[in-house]
C-alpha cells in the first residue's frame, strides 16, 4: 500500500475519503520540507487544508501551496463528505 502522506493527487483523493470536513475545508496531512508538501518521506508531516470551493490547498498559515481545478467545486468536483453515509 502506498504511503498516503506522500504529496500526490491520488493521495489527496485517498485522504479526502475520511478527512474531517470543517468550516468549508478538509484537513489533510503530508510530508513536508521547509513547510511545503513533498512527494517523498521526510521527518516532518504537517497539516494542510483543502478548500473545495476553489480547489486550493493551504498551509498552516493559510497560504496557497497548490491549486488544481480537479478539486474545485466550481469546475465539477464532488466533495466526498456529501456522499458519505449518515449515521444516527
C-alpha atoms as a PDB file:
ATOM      1  CA  UNK A   1       0.000   0.000   0.000  1.00  0.00           C
ATOM      2  CA  UNK A   2       1.214   3.488  -0.852  1.00  0.00           C
ATOM      3  CA  UNK A   3       2.021   5.904   1.954  1.00  0.00           C
ATOM      4  CA  UNK A   4      -0.880   8.380   1.884  1.00  0.00           C
ATOM      5  CA  UNK A   5       1.327  11.142   3.299  1.00  0.00           C
ATOM      6  CA  UNK A   6       3.298  11.418   0.051  1.00  0.00           C
ATOM      7  CA  UNK A   7       2.043  14.507  -1.776  1.00  0.00           C
ATOM      8  CA  UNK A   8       0.228  13.297  -4.902  1.00  0.00           C
ATOM      9  CA  UNK A   9      -3.225  13.897  -6.361  1.00  0.00           C
ATOM     10  CA  UNK A  10      -4.096  10.250  -5.717  1.00  0.00           C
ATOM     11  CA  UNK A  11      -3.198  10.655  -2.050  1.00  0.00           C
ATOM     12  CA  UNK A  12      -5.312  13.789  -1.834  1.00  0.00           C
ATOM     13  CA  UNK A  13      -8.194  11.636  -3.089  1.00  0.00           C
ATOM     14  CA  UNK A  14      -7.366   8.866  -0.577  1.00  0.00           C
ATOM     15  CA  UNK A  15      -7.263  11.249   2.361  1.00  0.00           C
ATOM     16  CA  UNK A  16     -10.457  13.019   1.284  1.00  0.00           C
ATOM     17  CA  UNK A  17     -12.414   9.793   1.751  1.00  0.00           C
ATOM     18  CA  UNK A  18     -12.026  10.020   5.539  1.00  0.00           C
ATOM     19  CA  UNK A  19     -10.693  13.535   6.208  1.00  0.00           C
ATOM     20  CA  UNK A  20     -12.721  15.734   8.523  1.00  0.00           C
ATOM     21  CA  UNK A  21     -14.665  18.490   6.770  1.00  0.00           C
ATOM     22  CA  UNK A  22     -14.976  21.555   8.985  1.00  0.00           C
ATOM     23  CA  UNK A  23     -15.831  25.178   8.200  1.00  0.00           C
ATOM     24  CA  UNK A  24     -15.585  24.601   4.452  1.00  0.00           C
ATOM     25  CA  UNK A  25     -12.265  22.745   4.275  1.00  0.00           C
ATOM     26  CA  UNK A  26     -10.780  19.261   4.588  1.00  0.00           C
ATOM     27  CA  UNK A  27      -7.823  18.661   6.896  1.00  0.00           C
ATOM     28  CA  UNK A  28      -5.082  16.626   5.177  1.00  0.00           C
ATOM     29  CA  UNK A  29      -1.559  15.579   6.214  1.00  0.00           C
ATOM     30  CA  UNK A  30       1.572  15.368   4.052  1.00  0.00           C
ATOM     31  CA  UNK A  31       5.329  15.003   4.418  1.00  0.00           C
ATOM     32  CA  UNK A  32       6.953  18.409   4.245  1.00  0.00           C
ATOM     33  CA  UNK A  33      10.209  20.132   3.559  1.00  0.00           C
ATOM     34  CA  UNK A  34      10.523  23.779   4.590  1.00  0.00           C
ATOM     35  CA  UNK A  35       6.749  23.841   5.136  1.00  0.00           C
ATOM     36  CA  UNK A  36       5.828  22.650   1.629  1.00  0.00           C
ATOM     37  CA  UNK A  37       4.211  19.281   0.874  1.00  0.00           C
ATOM     38  CA  UNK A  38       6.588  16.858  -0.871  1.00  0.00           C
ATOM     39  CA  UNK A  39       6.340  13.511  -2.643  1.00  0.00           C
ATOM     40  CA  UNK A  40       8.995  11.742  -0.539  1.00  0.00           C
ATOM     41  CA  UNK A  41       9.393  10.622   3.041  1.00  0.00           C
ATOM     42  CA  UNK A  42      10.785  13.288   5.387  1.00  0.00           C
ATOM     43  CA  UNK A  43      10.948  13.519   9.189  1.00  0.00           C
ATOM     44  CA  UNK A  44       8.056  16.019   9.242  1.00  0.00           C
ATOM     45  CA  UNK A  45       4.356  15.588   8.488  1.00  0.00           C
ATOM     46  CA  UNK A  46       2.259  18.750   8.603  1.00  0.00           C
ATOM     47  CA  UNK A  47      -1.403  19.642   8.359  1.00  0.00           C
ATOM     48  CA  UNK A  48      -2.864  21.253   5.242  1.00  0.00           C
ATOM     49  CA  UNK A  49      -6.341  22.491   4.378  1.00  0.00           C
ATOM     50  CA  UNK A  50      -8.091  21.733   1.091  1.00  0.00           C
ATOM     51  CA  UNK A  51     -10.822  24.215   0.197  1.00  0.00           C
ATOM     52  CA  UNK A  52     -13.009  22.591  -2.467  1.00  0.00           C
ATOM     53  CA  UNK A  53     -14.749  25.895  -3.198  1.00  0.00           C
ATOM     54  CA  UNK A  54     -11.709  26.993  -5.132  1.00  0.00           C
ATOM     55  CA  UNK A  55      -9.558  23.862  -5.380  1.00  0.00           C
ATOM     56  CA  UNK A  56      -6.786  25.274  -3.195  1.00  0.00           C
ATOM     57  CA  UNK A  57      -4.568  23.556  -0.657  1.00  0.00           C
ATOM     58  CA  UNK A  58      -3.367  25.882   2.071  1.00  0.00           C
ATOM     59  CA  UNK A  59      -0.682  25.550   4.709  1.00  0.00           C
ATOM     60  CA  UNK A  60      -0.973  26.223   8.457  1.00  0.00           C
ATOM     61  CA  UNK A  61      -0.867  29.995   7.873  1.00  0.00           C
ATOM     62  CA  UNK A  62      -3.439  29.628   5.058  1.00  0.00           C
ATOM     63  CA  UNK A  63      -1.028  30.464   2.243  1.00  0.00           C
ATOM     64  CA  UNK A  64      -1.944  28.722  -1.012  1.00  0.00           C
ATOM     65  CA  UNK A  65       0.574  25.952  -1.747  1.00  0.00           C
ATOM     66  CA  UNK A  66      -1.330  24.106  -4.502  1.00  0.00           C
ATOM     67  CA  UNK A  67      -4.239  24.629  -6.893  1.00  0.00           C
ATOM     68  CA  UNK A  68      -5.908  22.086  -9.127  1.00  0.00           C
ATOM     69  CA  UNK A  69      -9.241  22.513 -10.878  1.00  0.00           C
ATOM     70  CA  UNK A  70      -9.822  18.774 -10.311  1.00  0.00           C
ATOM     71  CA  UNK A  71     -10.562  19.654  -6.646  1.00  0.00           C
ATOM     72  CA  UNK A  72     -12.605  22.792  -7.398  1.00  0.00           C
ATOM     73  CA  UNK A  73     -16.386  22.552  -6.911  1.00  0.00           C
ATOM     74  CA  UNK A  74     -16.841  25.335  -9.459  1.00  0.00           C
ATOM     75  CA  UNK A  75     -15.187  23.035 -12.015  1.00  0.00           C
ATOM     76  CA  UNK A  76     -17.300  19.964 -11.180  1.00  0.00           C
ATOM     77  CA  UNK A  77     -15.557  18.449  -8.136  1.00  0.00           C
ATOM     78  CA  UNK A  78     -17.989  16.491  -5.933  1.00  0.00           C
ATOM     79  CA  UNK A  79     -16.857  16.741  -2.281  1.00  0.00           C
ATOM     80  CA  UNK A  80     -16.791  13.246  -0.751  1.00  0.00           C
ATOM     81  CA  UNK A  81     -18.354  14.329   2.545  1.00  0.00           C
ATOM     82  CA  UNK A  82     -21.615  14.985   0.711  1.00  0.00           C
ATOM     83  CA  UNK A  83     -21.889  11.333  -0.287  1.00  0.00           C
ATOM     84  CA  UNK A  84     -20.671   9.735   2.950  1.00  0.00           C
ATOM     85  CA  UNK A  85     -23.289   7.631   4.667  1.00  0.00           C
ATOM     86  CA  UNK A  86     -25.032   9.386   7.524  1.00  0.00           C
ATOM     87  CA  UNK A  87     -25.441   7.516  10.803  1.00  0.00           C
ATOM     88  CA  UNK A  88     -27.708   8.402  13.653  1.00  0.00           C
END
